Amino acid sequence: MPLRPCKVGWSTEGGSITYPIRRDVIHMLRYAPIEDDKTKADLIRLNRIAEERGWRQAILEVYRTSSGMMRYVLDPSRSRFLDILPLSKDKTVLEVGSGLGQITTALAVRAGMVEAIEVVSGQAIFTHRRCQQEGLENVRVVCGGDDSRLPYSSAQFDVAILNLVLEWCFRREATVSPAESQERLLRETARVLKPGGLLYLCTKNRYSIRLLLGGRDEHVGGLRFGSALPRWMVGLISRIRGTAGLSGYIHSYQGVDQMLRRCGFEERRSYWAAPEMRYPAWFIPARASDIARARRHPGFMACDGKRSRWLMERVPAPLVKNLTPGLIFLARKRCPVGMGIRG
């Protein structure tokens, strides 16, 4: 049942459920948090410092010993993918998985209205505070979506962004399989998009060159080759090792493309983000001619890691899309029969 804003939170159309507002953010989580104690403590401290001395100072103090986290939150290349999206001040955009607002703020500068949803309460609160301190009044942050459902009415967004979210979306719900949870999120995204609306999807690649070369996979407890192995083998090794198994669920290029088609998306176009999808320098349409042209560009770097880079520079251009670290798709919501695709 669709949800609508109300004075004290969000409620169903029948008014039977009301959700609380905590520190100016609507909270509508279905399940208990899964963050460990250190993560919770860091987020509490992060938000306290942000309120007292500003969001940037909070990042510098809480994550000063983690150069990786600092870069993940502050590096402007994180939002470079926005350049390939048709954003303008007449567009309403949904961002699923806002994290600490590293994309949200850049998105709000380009779009007319941004709805950001995040499953981690402390991150949602920080994103709201960061946008507030940046003077971005066209952003609303909601904490929810842990059941892979979206608390928005149908057909209201022009663009939806799922950036490195799909692989993790199943973690809080044990009632369905990872693939079922992912398809539910994609169908929900299609539902809330307008006919012809555009989805930007970035997710990890099960058959990335790094994993095929024996790299450790964070989605399956650091197992070498990881998700590139047959699913049954990953499960067997996890049971033998006594580990928890999957913390993330990733697919091949064909797997993602087929899933998008099943969930109501058409005109699917893919891109190669080089050298990798988190900090891209180039977004190359995954066509052989465009890939060949990019490879001739001075300073082009195909991939991180010496071995991976050497191989990616020599993979036949038509096969590159199957081996990139990240799978990036732009896909349009299917229009009803007789209704054309918007430009």
C-alpha atoms as a PDB file:
ATOM      1  CA  MET A   1       0.000   0.000   0.000  1.00  0.00           C
ATOM      2  CA  PRO A   2       1.459   3.406  -0.912  1.00  0.00           C
ATOM      3  CA  LEU A   3       2.670   5.688   1.843  1.00  0.00           C
ATOM      4  CA  ARG A   4       1.981   9.401   2.181  1.00  0.00           C
ATOM      5  CA  PRO A   5       3.471  12.144   4.337  1.00  0.00           C
ATOM      6  CA  CYS A   6       1.616  12.953   7.534  1.00  0.00           C
ATOM      7  CA  LYS A   7       2.255  15.317  10.423  1.00  0.00           C
ATOM      8  CA  VAL A   8       3.965  12.853  12.732  1.00  0.00           C
ATOM      9  CA  GLY A   9       5.741  10.578  10.290  1.00  0.00           C
ATOM     10  CA  TRP A  10       4.524   8.438   7.440  1.00  0.00           C
ATOM     11  CA  SER A  11       1.382   6.329   7.490  1.00  0.00           C
ATOM     12  CA  THR A  12      -0.451   4.004   5.138  1.00  0.00           C
ATOM     13  CA  GLU A  13      -3.394   5.352   3.183  1.00  0.00           C
ATOM     14  CA  GLY A  14      -5.669   3.763   5.776  1.00  0.00           C
ATOM     15  CA  GLY A  15      -3.733   5.474   8.552  1.00  0.00           C
ATOM     16  CA  SER A  16      -3.073   2.221  10.441  1.00  0.00           C
ATOM     17  CA  ILE A  17       0.723   2.554  10.705  1.00  0.00           C
ATOM     18  CA  THR A  18       2.630   5.604  11.853  1.00  0.00           C
ATOM     19  CA  TYR A  19       6.401   5.938  11.681  1.00  0.00           C
ATOM     20  CA  PRO A  20       8.485   8.117  13.994  1.00  0.00           C
ATOM     21  CA  ILE A  21      10.665  11.073  13.107  1.00  0.00           C
ATOM     22  CA  ARG A  22      14.079  10.972  14.769  1.00  0.00           C
ATOM     23  CA  ARG A  23      16.374  13.974  14.437  1.00  0.00           C
ATOM     24  CA  ASP A  24      14.345  15.248  11.500  1.00  0.00           C
ATOM     25  CA  VAL A  25      14.469  11.943   9.575  1.00  0.00           C
ATOM     26  CA  ILE A  26      11.449   9.684   9.042  1.00  0.00           C
ATOM     27  CA  HIS A  27      12.255   6.144  10.264  1.00  0.00           C
ATOM     28  CA  MET A  28      10.348   3.256   8.747  1.00  0.00           C
ATOM     29  CA  LEU A  29      12.590   0.227   9.192  1.00  0.00           C
ATOM     30  CA  ARG A  30      10.970  -3.176   9.330  1.00  0.00           C
ATOM     31  CA  TYR A  31      13.861  -5.103  10.877  1.00  0.00           C
ATOM     32  CA  ALA A  32      16.393  -4.578  13.643  1.00  0.00           C
ATOM     33  CA  PRO A  33      19.732  -2.937  12.720  1.00  0.00           C
ATOM     34  CA  ILE A  34      22.592  -5.288  11.838  1.00  0.00           C
ATOM     35  CA  GLU A  35      25.484  -2.851  12.312  1.00  0.00           C
ATOM     36  CA  ASP A  36      28.149  -3.905  14.828  1.00  0.00           C
ATOM     37  CA  ASP A  37      28.802  -1.946  18.019  1.00  0.00           C
ATOM     38  CA  LYS A  38      31.821  -0.075  16.616  1.00  0.00           C
ATOM     39  CA  THR A  39      29.902   1.099  13.566  1.00  0.00           C
ATOM     40  CA  LYS A  40      27.020   2.274  15.738  1.00  0.00           C
ATOM     41  CA  ALA A  41      29.394   4.117  18.079  1.00  0.00           C
ATOM     42  CA  ASP A  42      31.203   5.759  15.147  1.00  0.00           C
ATOM     43  CA  LEU A  43      27.920   6.985  13.677  1.00  0.00           C
ATOM     44  CA  ILE A  44      26.732   8.375  17.004  1.00  0.00           C
ATOM     45  CA  ARG A  45      30.015  10.278  17.352  1.00  0.00           C
ATOM     46  CA  LEU A  46      29.892  11.346  13.709  1.00  0.00           C
ATOM     47  CA  ASN A  47      26.467  12.910  14.083  1.00  0.00           C
ATOM     48  CA  ARG A  48      27.326  14.580  17.398  1.00  0.00           C
ATOM     49  CA  ILE A  49      30.398  16.267  15.906  1.00  0.00           C
ATOM     50  CA  ALA A  50      28.464  17.181  12.750  1.00  0.00           C
ATOM     51  CA  GLU A  51      25.873  19.017  14.842  1.00  0.00           C
ATOM     52  CA  GLU A  52      28.523  20.782  16.909  1.00  0.00           C
ATOM     53  CA  ARG A  53      31.280  21.577  14.367  1.00  0.00           C
ATOM     54  CA  GLY A  54      29.972  20.646  10.934  1.00  0.00           C
ATOM     55  CA  TRP A  55      29.760  17.543   8.775  1.00  0.00           C
ATOM     56  CA  ARG A  56      33.216  17.840   7.198  1.00  0.00           C
ATOM     57  CA  GLN A  57      34.967  18.153  10.554  1.00  0.00           C
ATOM     58  CA  ALA A  58      33.030  15.099  11.722  1.00  0.00           C
ATOM     59  CA  ILE A  59      34.354  13.029   8.819  1.00  0.00           C
ATOM     60  CA  LEU A  60      37.922  14.206   9.437  1.00  0.00           C
ATOM     61  CA  GLU A  61      37.802  13.342  13.138  1.00  0.00           C
ATOM     62  CA  VAL A  62      35.940  10.028  13.060  1.00  0.00           C
ATOM     63  CA  TYR A  63      37.632   8.503  10.004  1.00  0.00           C
ATOM     64  CA  ARG A  64      41.078  10.108  10.209  1.00  0.00           C
ATOM     65  CA  THR A  65      42.775   6.708  10.593  1.00  0.00           C
ATOM     66  CA  SER A  66      40.925   5.238   7.600  1.00  0.00           C
ATOM     67  CA  SER A  67      42.196   6.735   4.361  1.00  0.00           C
ATOM     68  CA  GLY A  68      39.876   4.428   2.438  1.00  0.00           C
ATOM     69  CA  MET A  69      36.781   5.677   4.213  1.00  0.00           C
ATOM     70  CA  MET A  70      37.887   9.305   3.909  1.00  0.00           C
ATOM     71  CA  ARG A  71      38.293   8.915   0.171  1.00  0.00           C
ATOM     72  CA  TYR A  72      35.002   7.039  -0.168  1.00  0.00           C
ATOM     73  CA  VAL A  73      33.097   9.908   1.407  1.00  0.00           C
ATOM     74  CA  LEU A  74      35.050  12.956   0.166  1.00  0.00           C
ATOM     75  CA  ASP A  75      36.508  12.129  -3.253  1.00  0.00           C
ATOM     76  CA  PRO A  76      34.559  14.149  -5.873  1.00  0.00           C
ATOM     77  CA  SER A  77      35.067  11.423  -8.488  1.00  0.00           C
ATOM     78  CA  ARG A  78      32.472   9.369  -6.590  1.00  0.00           C
ATOM     79  CA  SER A  79      29.739  11.425  -8.273  1.00  0.00           C
ATOM     80  CA  ARG A  80      31.276  11.548 -11.755  1.00  0.00           C
ATOM     81  CA  PHE A  81      28.625   9.168 -13.076  1.00  0.00           C
ATOM     82  CA  LEU A  82      26.069  11.977 -12.768  1.00  0.00           C
ATOM     83  CA  ASP A  83      27.569  13.396 -15.970  1.00  0.00           C
ATOM     84  CA  ILE A  84      25.925  10.631 -18.027  1.00  0.00           C
ATOM     85  CA  LEU A  85      22.461  11.195 -16.544  1.00  0.00           C
ATOM     86  CA  PRO A  86      19.842  13.596 -17.971  1.00  0.00           C
ATOM     87  CA  LEU A  87      19.594  15.744 -14.844  1.00  0.00           C
ATOM     88  CA  SER A  88      18.015  19.185 -14.708  1.00  0.00           C
ATOM     89  CA  LYS A  89      16.037  21.373 -12.337  1.00  0.00           C
ATOM     90  CA  ASP A  90      12.726  19.984 -13.617  1.00  0.00           C
ATOM     91  CA  LYS A  91      13.672  16.405 -12.640  1.00  0.00           C
ATOM     92  CA  THR A  92      12.679  14.536  -9.469  1.00  0.00           C
ATOM     93  CA  VAL A  93      15.272  11.927  -8.513  1.00  0.00           C
ATOM     94  CA  LEU A  94      15.256   8.947  -6.147  1.00  0.00           C
ATOM     95  CA  GLU A  95      18.575   7.886  -4.631  1.00  0.00           C
ATOM     96  CA  VAL A  96      18.449   4.432  -3.051  1.00  0.00           C
ATOM     97  CA  GLY A  97      21.257   4.030  -0.527  1.00  0.00           C
ATOM     98  CA  SER A  98      22.514   7.517   0.225  1.00  0.00           C
ATOM     99  CA  GLY A  99      25.291   6.376   2.569  1.00  0.00           C
ATOM    100  CA  LEU A 100      26.874   9.481   4.100  1.00  0.00           C
ATOM    101  CA  GLY A 101      25.589  11.792   1.384  1.00  0.00           C
ATOM    102  CA  GLN A 102      28.637  11.535  -0.879  1.00  0.00           C
ATOM    103  CA  ILE A 103      26.402  11.449  -3.971  1.00  0.00           C
ATOM    104  CA  THR A 104      23.321  13.166  -2.533  1.00  0.00           C
ATOM    105  CA  THR A 105      24.828  16.638  -2.284  1.00  0.00           C
ATOM    106  CA  ALA A 106      26.189  16.622  -5.833  1.00  0.00           C
ATOM    107  CA  LEU A 107      22.880  15.253  -7.081  1.00  0.00           C
ATOM    108  CA  ALA A 108      20.873  17.965  -5.326  1.00  0.00           C
ATOM    109  CA  VAL A 109      22.823  20.685  -7.130  1.00  0.00           C
ATOM    110  CA  ARG A 110      21.720  19.283 -10.496  1.00  0.00           C
ATOM    111  CA  ALA A 111      18.164  18.054  -9.836  1.00  0.00           C
ATOM    112  CA  GLY A 112      14.970  19.815  -8.863  1.00  0.00           C
ATOM    113  CA  MET A 113      14.031  17.454  -6.002  1.00  0.00           C
ATOM    114  CA  VAL A 114      15.922  14.533  -4.451  1.00  0.00           C
ATOM    115  CA  GLU A 115      14.369  11.809  -2.310  1.00  0.00           C
ATOM    116  CA  ALA A 116      17.129   9.828  -0.588  1.00  0.00           C
ATOM    117  CA  ILE A 117      16.473   6.573   1.244  1.00  0.00           C
ATOM    118  CA  GLU A 118      19.038   4.788   3.445  1.00  0.00           C
ATOM    119  CA  VAL A 119      18.715   1.676   5.640  1.00  0.00           C
ATOM    120  CA  VAL A 120      21.304   2.711   8.256  1.00  0.00           C
ATOM    121  CA  SER A 121      19.768   5.193  10.666  1.00  0.00           C
ATOM    122  CA  GLY A 122      22.994   6.995  11.599  1.00  0.00           C
ATOM    123  CA  GLN A 123      23.926   7.428   7.950  1.00  0.00           C
ATOM    124  CA  ALA A 124      20.484   8.765   7.039  1.00  0.00           C
ATOM    125  CA  ILE A 125      20.662  11.322   9.854  1.00  0.00           C
ATOM    126  CA  PHE A 126      24.161  12.377   8.777  1.00  0.00           C
ATOM    127  CA  THR A 127      23.068  12.767   5.134  1.00  0.00           C
ATOM    128  CA  HIS A 128      20.182  14.970   6.247  1.00  0.00           C
ATOM    129  CA  ARG A 129      22.501  17.106   8.390  1.00  0.00           C
ATOM    130  CA  ARG A 130      25.111  17.352   5.617  1.00  0.00           C
ATOM    131  CA  CYS A 131      22.523  18.551   3.087  1.00  0.00           C
ATOM    132  CA  GLN A 132      21.090  20.959   5.620  1.00  0.00           C
ATOM    133  CA  GLN A 133      24.512  22.468   6.318  1.00  0.00           C
ATOM    134  CA  GLU A 134      25.189  22.749   2.579  1.00  0.00           C
ATOM    135  CA  GLY A 135      21.980  24.758   2.191  1.00  0.00           C
ATOM    136  CA  LEU A 136      20.342  22.136  -0.012  1.00  0.00           C
ATOM    137  CA  GLU A 137      16.647  22.532   0.649  1.00  0.00           C
ATOM    138  CA  ASN A 138      15.531  20.241  -2.182  1.00  0.00           C
ATOM    139  CA  VAL A 139      16.506  16.985  -0.413  1.00  0.00           C
ATOM    140  CA  ARG A 140      14.377  14.794   1.823  1.00  0.00           C
ATOM    141  CA  VAL A 141      15.995  11.819   3.563  1.00  0.00           C
ATOM    142  CA  VAL A 142      14.090   8.746   4.739  1.00  0.00           C
ATOM    143  CA  CYS A 143      15.448   5.817   6.770  1.00  0.00           C
ATOM    144  CA  GLY A 144      13.869   2.657   5.381  1.00  0.00           C
ATOM    145  CA  GLY A 145      13.857   0.126   2.572  1.00  0.00           C
ATOM    146  CA  ASP A 146      15.392  -2.718   4.588  1.00  0.00           C
ATOM    147  CA  ASP A 147      12.751  -5.089   3.152  1.00  0.00           C
ATOM    148  CA  SER A 148      13.643  -3.978  -0.412  1.00  0.00           C
ATOM    149  CA  ARG A 149      10.379  -2.060  -0.672  1.00  0.00           C
ATOM    150  CA  LEU A 150      10.199   1.660  -1.392  1.00  0.00           C
ATOM    151  CA  PRO A 151       7.807   3.896   0.610  1.00  0.00           C
ATOM    152  CA  TYR A 152       6.762   6.069  -2.324  1.00  0.00           C
ATOM    153  CA  SER A 153       3.720   6.335  -4.535  1.00  0.00           C
ATOM    154  CA  SER A 154       3.899   4.906  -8.034  1.00  0.00           C
ATOM    155  CA  ALA A 155       5.145   6.788 -11.103  1.00  0.00           C
ATOM    156  CA  GLN A 156       6.560   9.905  -9.424  1.00  0.00           C
ATOM    157  CA  PHE A 157      10.302   9.908 -10.243  1.00  0.00           C
ATOM    158  CA  ASP A 158      12.080  10.833 -13.465  1.00  0.00           C
ATOM    159  CA  VAL A 159      15.374   9.180 -12.490  1.00  0.00           C
ATOM    160  CA  ALA A 160      16.346   6.538  -9.928  1.00  0.00           C
ATOM    161  CA  ILE A 161      19.899   5.770  -8.769  1.00  0.00           C
ATOM    162  CA  LEU A 162      21.070   2.452  -7.305  1.00  0.00           C
ATOM    163  CA  ASN A 163      24.816   2.942  -6.905  1.00  0.00           C
ATOM    164  CA  LEU A 164      26.550  -0.083  -5.306  1.00  0.00           C
ATOM    165  CA  VAL A 165      23.376  -0.986  -3.436  1.00  0.00           C
ATOM    166  CA  LEU A 166      21.874  -4.003  -5.209  1.00  0.00           C
ATOM    167  CA  GLU A 167      24.539  -6.454  -4.008  1.00  0.00           C
ATOM    168  CA  TRP A 168      23.764  -5.708  -0.336  1.00  0.00           C
ATOM    169  CA  CYS A 169      19.994  -5.159  -0.282  1.00  0.00           C
ATOM    170  CA  PHE A 170      19.053  -8.664   0.935  1.00  0.00           C
ATOM    171  CA  ARG A 171      21.114  -8.626   4.127  1.00  0.00           C
ATOM    172  CA  ARG A 172      18.401  -7.542   6.553  1.00  0.00           C
ATOM    173  CA  GLU A 173      15.672  -9.886   5.373  1.00  0.00           C
ATOM    174  CA  ALA A 174      15.795 -13.658   5.835  1.00  0.00           C
ATOM    175  CA  THR A 175      12.350 -14.495   4.440  1.00  0.00           C
ATOM    176  CA  VAL A 176      13.412 -14.524   0.773  1.00  0.00           C
ATOM    177  CA  SER A 177      16.524 -15.440  -1.177  1.00  0.00           C
ATOM    178  CA  PRO A 178      19.093 -12.778  -2.140  1.00  0.00           C
ATOM    179  CA  ALA A 179      17.992 -12.893  -5.789  1.00  0.00           C
ATOM    180  CA  GLU A 180      14.314 -12.530  -4.823  1.00  0.00           C
ATOM    181  CA  SER A 181      15.138  -9.527  -2.631  1.00  0.00           C
ATOM    182  CA  GLN A 182      17.102  -7.919  -5.458  1.00  0.00           C
ATOM    183  CA  GLU A 183      14.318  -8.440  -7.969  1.00  0.00           C
ATOM    184  CA  ARG A 184      11.822  -6.990  -5.517  1.00  0.00           C
ATOM    185  CA  LEU A 185      13.945  -3.844  -5.195  1.00  0.00           C
ATOM    186  CA  LEU A 186      14.229  -3.497  -8.972  1.00  0.00           C
ATOM    187  CA  ARG A 187      10.482  -4.009  -9.443  1.00  0.00           C
ATOM    188  CA  GLU A 188       9.819  -1.442  -6.742  1.00  0.00           C
ATOM    189  CA  THR A 189      12.167   0.961  -8.506  1.00  0.00           C
ATOM    190  CA  ALA A 190      10.299   0.410 -11.757  1.00  0.00           C
ATOM    191  CA  ARG A 191       7.006   1.011  -9.951  1.00  0.00           C
ATOM    192  CA  VAL A 192       7.998   4.411  -8.553  1.00  0.00           C
ATOM    193  CA  LEU A 193       9.513   5.619 -11.838  1.00  0.00           C
ATOM    194  CA  LYS A 194       7.343   7.416 -14.361  1.00  0.00           C
ATOM    195  CA  PRO A 195       6.760   5.588 -17.663  1.00  0.00           C
ATOM    196  CA  GLY A 196       9.979   6.048 -19.591  1.00  0.00           C
ATOM    197  CA  GLY A 197      11.834   7.010 -16.410  1.00  0.00           C
ATOM    198  CA  LEU A 198      15.527   6.207 -16.232  1.00  0.00           C
ATOM    199  CA  LEU A 199      17.407   3.896 -13.859  1.00  0.00           C
ATOM    200  CA  TYR A 200      21.141   4.190 -13.220  1.00  0.00           C
ATOM    201  CA  LEU A 201      22.358   0.876 -11.804  1.00  0.00           C
ATOM    202  CA  CYS A 202      25.927   0.168 -10.709  1.00  0.00           C
ATOM    203  CA  THR A 203      26.756  -3.148  -9.073  1.00  0.00           C
ATOM    204  CA  LYS A 204      29.773  -5.439  -8.693  1.00  0.00           C
ATOM    205  CA  ASN A 205      30.618  -8.042 -11.342  1.00  0.00           C
ATOM    206  CA  ARG A 206      30.646 -11.723 -10.455  1.00  0.00           C
ATOM    207  CA  TYR A 207      33.138 -12.417 -13.240  1.00  0.00           C
ATOM    208  CA  SER A 208      35.383  -9.387 -12.895  1.00  0.00           C
ATOM    209  CA  ILE A 209      38.941  -9.936 -14.063  1.00  0.00           C
ATOM    210  CA  ARG A 210      40.172  -9.493 -10.479  1.00  0.00           C
ATOM    211  CA  LEU A 211      38.074 -12.372  -9.135  1.00  0.00           C
ATOM    212  CA  LEU A 212      38.877 -14.606 -12.110  1.00  0.00           C
ATOM    213  CA  LEU A 213      42.567 -14.083 -11.274  1.00  0.00           C
ATOM    214  CA  GLY A 214      41.985 -15.316  -7.722  1.00  0.00           C
ATOM    215  CA  GLY A 215      41.311 -12.059  -5.927  1.00  0.00           C
ATOM    216  CA  ARG A 216      39.604 -12.168  -2.534  1.00  0.00           C
ATOM    217  CA  ASP A 217      35.889 -11.462  -2.540  1.00  0.00           C
ATOM    218  CA  GLU A 218      34.455  -9.316   0.276  1.00  0.00           C
ATOM    219  CA  HIS A 219      30.987 -10.645  -0.533  1.00  0.00           C
ATOM    220  CA  VAL A 220      31.886 -14.169   0.636  1.00  0.00           C
ATOM    221  CA  GLY A 221      34.217 -13.660   3.575  1.00  0.00           C
ATOM    222  CA  GLY A 222      37.383 -12.933   1.586  1.00  0.00           C
ATOM    223  CA  LEU A 223      37.330 -16.241  -0.301  1.00  0.00           C
ATOM    224  CA  ARG A 224      39.724 -16.359  -3.263  1.00  0.00           C
ATOM    225  CA  PHE A 225      37.834 -16.360  -6.581  1.00  0.00           C
ATOM    226  CA  GLY A 226      34.743 -15.861  -4.405  1.00  0.00           C
ATOM    227  CA  SER A 227      31.538 -15.241  -6.334  1.00  0.00           C
ATOM    228  CA  ALA A 228      33.188 -16.355  -9.589  1.00  0.00           C
ATOM    229  CA  LEU A 229      33.009 -19.911  -8.287  1.00  0.00           C
ATOM    230  CA  PRO A 230      29.810 -21.941  -8.772  1.00  0.00           C
ATOM    231  CA  ARG A 231      27.208 -20.956  -6.160  1.00  0.00           C
ATOM    232  CA  TRP A 232      27.044 -24.490  -4.737  1.00  0.00           C
ATOM    233  CA  MET A 233      30.821 -24.523  -4.275  1.00  0.00           C
ATOM    234  CA  VAL A 234      30.784 -21.200  -2.414  1.00  0.00           C
ATOM    235  CA  GLY A 235      28.104 -22.600  -0.077  1.00  0.00           C
ATOM    236  CA  LEU A 236      30.062 -25.812   0.500  1.00  0.00           C
ATOM    237  CA  ILE A 237      33.332 -23.982   1.248  1.00  0.00           C
ATOM    238  CA  SER A 238      31.532 -21.618   3.625  1.00  0.00           C
ATOM    239  CA  ARG A 239      30.043 -24.558   5.544  1.00  0.00           C
ATOM    240  CA  ILE A 240      33.417 -26.328   5.732  1.00  0.00           C
ATOM    241  CA  ARG A 241      35.114 -23.132   6.953  1.00  0.00           C
ATOM    242  CA  GLY A 242      32.290 -22.437   9.385  1.00  0.00           C
ATOM    243  CA  THR A 243      31.856 -18.922   8.019  1.00  0.00           C
ATOM    244  CA  ALA A 244      28.652 -16.985   7.573  1.00  0.00           C
ATOM    245  CA  GLY A 245      28.645 -17.343   3.787  1.00  0.00           C
ATOM    246  CA  LEU A 246      27.233 -14.555   1.651  1.00  0.00           C
ATOM    247  CA  SER A 247      27.308 -10.973   2.828  1.00  0.00           C
ATOM    248  CA  GLY A 248      26.752  -9.727  -0.715  1.00  0.00           C
ATOM    249  CA  TYR A 249      25.259 -11.275  -3.843  1.00  0.00           C
ATOM    250  CA  ILE A 250      26.611 -10.332  -7.259  1.00  0.00           C
ATOM    251  CA  HIS A 251      25.827 -11.337 -10.820  1.00  0.00           C
ATOM    252  CA  SER A 252      27.368 -11.554 -14.267  1.00  0.00           C
ATOM    253  CA  TYR A 253      26.723  -9.016 -17.016  1.00  0.00           C
ATOM    254  CA  GLN A 254      24.120 -11.296 -18.573  1.00  0.00           C
ATOM    255  CA  GLY A 255      22.549 -11.964 -15.187  1.00  0.00           C
ATOM    256  CA  VAL A 256      22.034  -8.269 -14.442  1.00  0.00           C
ATOM    257  CA  ASP A 257      20.781  -7.547 -17.959  1.00  0.00           C
ATOM    258  CA  GLN A 258      18.211 -10.342 -17.765  1.00  0.00           C
ATOM    259  CA  MET A 259      17.098  -9.286 -14.298  1.00  0.00           C
ATOM    260  CA  LEU A 260      16.495  -5.732 -15.497  1.00  0.00           C
ATOM    261  CA  ARG A 261      14.428  -7.041 -18.396  1.00  0.00           C
ATOM    262  CA  ARG A 262      12.305  -9.232 -16.107  1.00  0.00           C
ATOM    263  CA  CYS A 263      11.707  -6.292 -13.761  1.00  0.00           C
ATOM    264  CA  GLY A 264      10.269  -3.991 -16.390  1.00  0.00           C
ATOM    265  CA  PHE A 265      13.241  -2.141 -17.876  1.00  0.00           C
ATOM    266  CA  GLU A 266      14.025  -1.716 -21.555  1.00  0.00           C
ATOM    267  CA  GLU A 267      16.557   0.156 -23.690  1.00  0.00           C
ATOM    268  CA  ARG A 268      19.311  -1.163 -21.464  1.00  0.00           C
ATOM    269  CA  ARG A 269      22.686   0.439 -22.214  1.00  0.00           C
ATOM    270  CA  SER A 270      25.882  -0.545 -20.439  1.00  0.00           C
ATOM    271  CA  TYR A 271      29.076   1.352 -19.630  1.00  0.00           C
ATOM    272  CA  TRP A 272      32.644   0.585 -18.641  1.00  0.00           C
ATOM    273  CA  ALA A 273      33.764   2.727 -15.697  1.00  0.00           C
ATOM    274  CA  ALA A 274      37.553   2.794 -15.799  1.00  0.00           C
ATOM    275  CA  PRO A 275      39.708   2.166 -13.929  1.00  0.00           C
ATOM    276  CA  GLU A 276      36.947   1.077 -11.539  1.00  0.00           C
ATOM    277  CA  MET A 277      33.374   2.043 -10.658  1.00  0.00           C
ATOM    278  CA  ARG A 278      33.913   3.759  -7.288  1.00  0.00           C
ATOM    279  CA  TYR A 279      36.465   6.310  -8.507  1.00  0.00           C
ATOM    280  CA  PRO A 280      35.971   6.457 -12.268  1.00  0.00           C
ATOM    281  CA  ALA A 281      37.988   8.613 -14.601  1.00  0.00           C
ATOM    282  CA  TRP A 282      36.131   7.503 -17.736  1.00  0.00           C
ATOM    283  CA  PHE A 283      32.633   6.254 -18.560  1.00  0.00           C
ATOM    284  CA  ILE A 284      32.817   4.401 -21.852  1.00  0.00           C
ATOM    285  CA  PRO A 285      29.781   2.987 -23.670  1.00  0.00           C
ATOM    286  CA  ALA A 286      30.355  -0.777 -23.736  1.00  0.00           C
ATOM    287  CA  ARG A 287      30.485  -0.929 -27.524  1.00  0.00           C
ATOM    288  CA  ALA A 288      33.552  -2.337 -29.243  1.00  0.00           C
ATOM    289  CA  SER A 289      34.200   0.864 -31.226  1.00  0.00           C
ATOM    290  CA  ASP A 290      34.006   3.103 -28.130  1.00  0.00           C
ATOM    291  CA  ILE A 291      36.241   0.761 -26.136  1.00  0.00           C
ATOM    292  CA  ALA A 292      38.852   0.675 -28.907  1.00  0.00           C
ATOM    293  CA  ARG A 293      38.798   4.475 -29.078  1.00  0.00           C
ATOM    294  CA  ALA A 294      39.208   4.814 -25.291  1.00  0.00           C
ATOM    295  CA  ARG A 295      42.173   2.450 -25.264  1.00  0.00           C
ATOM    296  CA  ARG A 296      44.003   4.743 -27.665  1.00  0.00           C
ATOM    297  CA  HIS A 297      43.553   7.755 -25.408  1.00  0.00           C
ATOM    298  CA  PRO A 298      46.806   8.962 -23.749  1.00  0.00           C
ATOM    299  CA  GLY A 299      46.835   8.137 -20.060  1.00  0.00           C
ATOM    300  CA  PHE A 300      43.915   5.720 -20.243  1.00  0.00           C
ATOM    301  CA  MET A 301      44.008   3.245 -17.357  1.00  0.00           C
ATOM    302  CA  ALA A 302      41.896   0.152 -17.932  1.00  0.00           C
ATOM    303  CA  CYS A 303      41.886  -1.288 -14.420  1.00  0.00           C
ATOM    304  CA  ASP A 304      43.458  -1.157 -10.966  1.00  0.00           C
ATOM    305  CA  GLY A 305      46.134  -3.746 -10.221  1.00  0.00           C
ATOM    306  CA  LYS A 306      49.080  -4.561 -12.470  1.00  0.00           C
ATOM    307  CA  ARG A 307      47.958  -8.017 -13.638  1.00  0.00           C
ATOM    308  CA  SER A 308      44.336  -7.022 -14.076  1.00  0.00           C
ATOM    309  CA  ARG A 309      45.330  -3.909 -16.021  1.00  0.00           C
ATOM    310  CA  TRP A 310      47.637  -5.853 -18.358  1.00  0.00           C
ATOM    311  CA  LEU A 311      44.871  -8.334 -19.176  1.00  0.00           C
ATOM    312  CA  MET A 312      42.066  -5.769 -19.507  1.00  0.00           C
ATOM    313  CA  GLU A 313      44.170  -3.859 -22.035  1.00  0.00           C
ATOM    314  CA  ARG A 314      44.295  -7.020 -24.178  1.00  0.00           C
ATOM    315  CA  VAL A 315      40.811  -8.480 -23.776  1.00  0.00           C
ATOM    316  CA  PRO A 316      38.913  -8.310 -27.091  1.00  0.00           C
ATOM    317  CA  ALA A 317      36.728  -5.203 -27.014  1.00  0.00           C
ATOM    318  CA  PRO A 318      33.390  -7.082 -27.363  1.00  0.00           C
ATOM    319  CA  LEU A 319      34.214  -9.082 -24.204  1.00  0.00           C
ATOM    320  CA  VAL A 320      35.271  -6.189 -21.975  1.00  0.00           C
ATOM    321  CA  LYS A 321      31.751  -5.579 -20.586  1.00  0.00           C
ATOM    322  CA  ASN A 322      31.777  -9.104 -19.130  1.00  0.00           C
ATOM    323  CA  LEU A 323      35.006  -8.617 -17.151  1.00  0.00           C
ATOM    324  CA  THR A 324      34.865  -5.068 -15.766  1.00  0.00           C
ATOM    325  CA  PRO A 325      34.974  -4.628 -11.955  1.00  0.00           C
ATOM    326  CA  GLY A 326      31.546  -2.989 -11.978  1.00  0.00           C
ATOM    327  CA  LEU A 327      28.460  -3.461 -14.143  1.00  0.00           C
ATOM    328  CA  ILE A 328      26.820  -0.184 -15.078  1.00  0.00           C
ATOM    329  CA  PHE A 329      23.484   0.068 -16.829  1.00  0.00           C
ATOM    330  CA  LEU A 330      21.190   2.864 -17.898  1.00  0.00           C
ATOM    331  CA  ALA A 331      17.732   1.405 -18.418  1.00  0.00           C
ATOM    332  CA  ARG A 332      14.305   2.894 -19.067  1.00  0.00           C
ATOM    333  CA  LYS A 333      11.099   1.791 -17.420  1.00  0.00           C
ATOM    334  CA  ARG A 334       8.927   0.048 -19.953  1.00  0.00           C
ATOM    335  CA  CYS A 335       6.164   2.256 -21.299  1.00  0.00           C
ATOM    336  CA  PRO A 336       2.559   1.066 -21.702  1.00  0.00           C
ATOM    337  CA  VAL A 337       1.630  -0.017 -25.223  1.00  0.00           C
ATOM    338  CA  GLY A 338       1.057   3.007 -27.401  1.00  0.00           C
ATOM    339  CA  MET A 339       3.103   5.341 -25.212  1.00  0.00           C
ATOM    340  CA  GLY A 340       6.416   6.514 -26.596  1.00  0.00           C
ATOM    341  CA  ILE A 341       9.760   6.751 -24.778  1.00  0.00           C
ATOM    342  CA  ARG A 342      10.605  10.245 -23.605  1.00  0.00           C
ATOM    343  CA  GLY A 343      13.862  11.778 -24.820  1.00  0.00           C
END
